[in-house]
Amino acid sequence: MDFQASKTTSVTEFFGIYEMTVRRWREEEELKEFNSIRATPTSVFPLVDLLQHASQIYTLHLFRVFEKEFGLATGTRAAIIQFEDSTLLYRVHTGGNEGLSHHVTYDCGNHLTDCTCRKYQVMGIICSHIIRVLHMHSVKEIPTAYIRRRCTKFAKTEV
């Protein structure tokens, strides 16, 4: 039942409709939160370590965003263009289109990365370019430096 007030609705009726609508919204939100915390999402990809870790920490919505980035990562190629100390610089590009490439720096010691697309800084979730490099280095979990608490399943319970 949607909010169904009109010009002829009395103040008493309006308040009753308003209370029922807010109650329904809260119940739906609680159900979505419960499902997001308790459910283990399935994936179209085999649950490799990075996807498995993402399914355990992210909400269902953010897991889907991560899964999409993972899918994009499978269609990219990466090539080392510079190596200095324990830091590697990769050029990551889509398929045969080398014009659309981004540079990813990867610190082998602590698994910290940075990408020229800046998606993590804007959206708070790592991009397909970084996922590609992490996957190439057999990183099993998303580094904690790239997990924003507000994006996790337990953000509300940890406040």
Protein backbone atom coordinates (compact mmCIF):
# COMPACT_ATOMS: atom_id res chain seq x y z
CA MET A 1 0.00 0.00 0.00
CA ASP A 2 1.50 3.30 -1.09
CA PHE A 3 1.05 6.66 0.55
CA GLN A 4 -2.50 7.55 -0.52
CA ALA A 5 -3.40 11.00 0.74
CA SER A 6 -5.27 13.59 -1.28
CA LYS A 7 -6.52 17.16 -0.89
CA THR A 8 -9.64 15.90 0.88
CA THR A 9 -7.75 13.77 3.43
CA SER A 10 -8.27 14.99 6.98
CA VAL A 11 -5.34 15.68 9.29
CA THR A 12 -6.21 12.61 11.37
CA GLU A 13 -6.40 10.35 8.31
CA PHE A 14 -3.19 11.86 6.94
CA PHE A 15 -1.36 11.14 10.18
CA GLY A 16 -2.62 7.53 10.20
CA ILE A 17 -1.53 7.01 6.59
CA TYR A 18 1.82 8.62 7.36
CA GLU A 19 2.43 6.36 10.39
CA MET A 20 1.56 3.21 8.42
CA THR A 21 3.84 4.25 5.56
CA VAL A 22 6.80 4.99 7.83
CA ARG A 23 6.25 1.69 9.70
CA ARG A 24 6.21 -0.21 6.38
CA TRP A 25 9.40 1.55 5.23
CA ARG A 26 11.17 0.66 8.48
CA GLU A 27 10.07 -2.98 8.31
CA GLU A 28 11.31 -3.23 4.71
CA GLU A 29 14.63 -1.65 5.69
CA GLU A 30 15.06 -4.05 8.61
CA LEU A 31 14.29 -7.02 6.34
CA LYS A 32 16.78 -5.83 3.71
CA GLU A 33 19.42 -5.29 6.40
CA PHE A 34 18.74 -8.74 7.90
CA ASN A 35 19.02 -10.39 4.47
CA SER A 36 22.16 -8.44 3.63
CA ILE A 37 23.89 -9.54 6.84
CA ARG A 38 22.71 -13.16 6.93
CA ALA A 39 22.65 -14.07 3.24
CA THR A 40 25.65 -15.46 1.43
CA PRO A 41 25.50 -14.12 -2.10
CA THR A 42 25.99 -16.37 -5.07
CA SER A 43 28.05 -15.34 -8.05
CA VAL A 44 28.14 -16.01 -11.76
CA PHE A 45 31.90 -16.46 -11.30
CA PRO A 46 33.52 -19.24 -9.29
CA LEU A 47 34.03 -17.87 -5.79
CA VAL A 48 37.78 -17.39 -5.92
CA ASP A 49 39.38 -16.07 -2.75
CA LEU A 50 38.84 -12.35 -3.53
CA LEU A 51 35.16 -12.86 -4.37
CA GLN A 52 34.66 -15.11 -1.35
CA HIS A 53 36.16 -12.45 0.92
CA ALA A 54 34.01 -9.74 -0.69
CA SER A 55 30.88 -11.85 -0.10
CA GLN A 56 31.75 -12.11 3.59
CA ILE A 57 32.38 -8.41 4.23
CA TYR A 58 30.30 -6.34 1.79
CA THR A 59 26.57 -5.75 1.77
CA LEU A 60 24.70 -7.54 -0.99
CA HIS A 61 24.52 -4.38 -3.10
CA LEU A 62 28.24 -3.62 -2.77
CA PHE A 63 29.11 -7.25 -3.42
CA ARG A 64 27.27 -6.95 -6.75
CA VAL A 65 29.30 -3.81 -7.56
CA PHE A 66 32.52 -5.65 -6.66
CA GLU A 67 31.43 -8.68 -8.68
CA LYS A 68 30.88 -6.45 -11.72
CA GLU A 69 34.38 -4.99 -11.31
CA PHE A 70 35.76 -8.53 -10.97
CA GLY A 71 34.05 -9.46 -14.23
CA LEU A 72 35.58 -6.45 -15.94
CA ALA A 73 38.98 -7.45 -14.54
CA THR A 74 38.78 -10.82 -16.29
CA GLY A 75 38.69 -9.01 -19.63
CA THR A 76 41.80 -6.92 -19.00
CA ARG A 77 45.48 -7.44 -19.65
CA ALA A 78 48.31 -6.23 -17.46
CA ALA A 79 51.93 -5.65 -18.31
CA ILE A 80 54.77 -4.58 -16.03
CA ILE A 81 56.25 -1.32 -17.26
CA GLN A 82 58.49 -0.46 -14.30
CA PHE A 83 60.01 -2.27 -11.33
CA GLU A 84 61.66 -0.42 -8.45
CA ASP A 85 62.49 -1.97 -5.06
CA SER A 86 59.32 -3.83 -4.09
CA THR A 87 57.00 -1.61 -6.16
CA LEU A 88 55.70 -2.61 -9.56
CA LEU A 89 54.04 -0.34 -12.11
CA TYR A 90 51.53 -2.03 -14.42
CA ARG A 91 49.72 -0.84 -17.48
CA VAL A 92 46.28 -2.44 -17.40
CA HIS A 93 44.14 -2.26 -20.54
CA THR A 94 41.02 -3.83 -21.94
CA GLY A 95 41.57 -6.59 -24.47
CA GLY A 96 43.19 -5.38 -27.68
CA ASN A 97 42.48 -1.72 -26.99
CA GLU A 98 45.74 -0.44 -25.53
CA GLY A 99 44.56 3.16 -25.88
CA LEU A 100 42.20 2.72 -22.94
CA SER A 101 44.71 1.86 -20.27
CA HIS A 102 45.37 2.79 -16.65
CA HIS A 103 48.51 2.57 -14.57
CA VAL A 104 48.43 0.61 -11.34
CA THR A 105 51.23 0.73 -8.80
CA TYR A 106 51.54 -2.32 -6.57
CA ASP A 107 53.66 -2.59 -3.43
CA CYS A 108 54.51 -6.28 -3.04
CA GLY A 109 55.29 -5.96 0.66
CA ASN A 110 51.94 -4.73 1.96
CA HIS A 111 49.68 -5.30 -1.11
CA LEU A 112 48.87 -1.58 -1.37
CA THR A 113 47.88 -0.36 -4.80
CA ASP A 114 46.94 2.85 -6.56
CA CYS A 115 45.23 3.27 -9.92
CA THR A 116 45.07 6.27 -12.22
CA CYS A 117 41.30 5.82 -12.69
CA ARG A 118 40.79 6.90 -9.02
CA LYS A 119 37.62 4.81 -8.65
CA TYR A 120 38.47 3.80 -5.08
CA GLN A 121 38.88 7.42 -4.03
CA VAL A 122 35.56 8.38 -5.64
CA MET A 123 33.33 5.34 -4.95
CA GLY A 124 35.06 3.55 -2.09
CA ILE A 125 35.38 0.22 -3.88
CA ILE A 126 38.45 -1.02 -5.74
CA CYS A 127 38.40 -0.92 -9.52
CA SER A 128 38.81 -3.71 -12.04
CA HIS A 129 42.39 -2.62 -12.73
CA ILE A 130 43.43 -3.11 -9.11
CA ILE A 131 41.47 -6.37 -8.89
CA ARG A 132 43.38 -7.63 -11.94
CA VAL A 133 46.75 -6.87 -10.33
CA LEU A 134 45.73 -8.33 -6.94
CA HIS A 135 44.44 -11.48 -8.63
CA MET A 136 47.69 -11.83 -10.63
CA HIS A 137 49.64 -11.76 -7.35
CA SER A 138 47.31 -14.38 -5.78
CA VAL A 139 46.13 -11.99 -3.06
CA LYS A 140 43.46 -13.94 -1.19
CA GLU A 141 41.71 -11.08 0.63
CA ILE A 142 40.91 -7.48 -0.11
CA PRO A 143 43.54 -5.51 1.81
CA THR A 144 42.03 -3.89 4.91
CA ALA A 145 43.22 -0.48 3.74
CA TYR A 146 40.59 -0.74 0.96
CA ILE A 147 37.64 -1.77 3.09
CA ARG A 148 35.61 1.18 4.27
CA ARG A 149 33.69 0.29 7.40
CA ARG A 150 30.54 1.99 6.16
CA CYS A 151 30.50 -0.41 3.18
CA THR A 152 30.53 -3.59 5.26
CA LYS A 153 27.65 -5.77 6.36
CA PHE A 154 28.19 -4.85 9.97
CA ALA A 155 28.48 -1.05 9.65
CA LYS A 156 25.33 -0.44 11.71
CA THR A 157 26.12 -2.98 14.40
CA GLU A 158 29.67 -1.68 14.96
CA VAL A 159 28.62 1.92 15.59
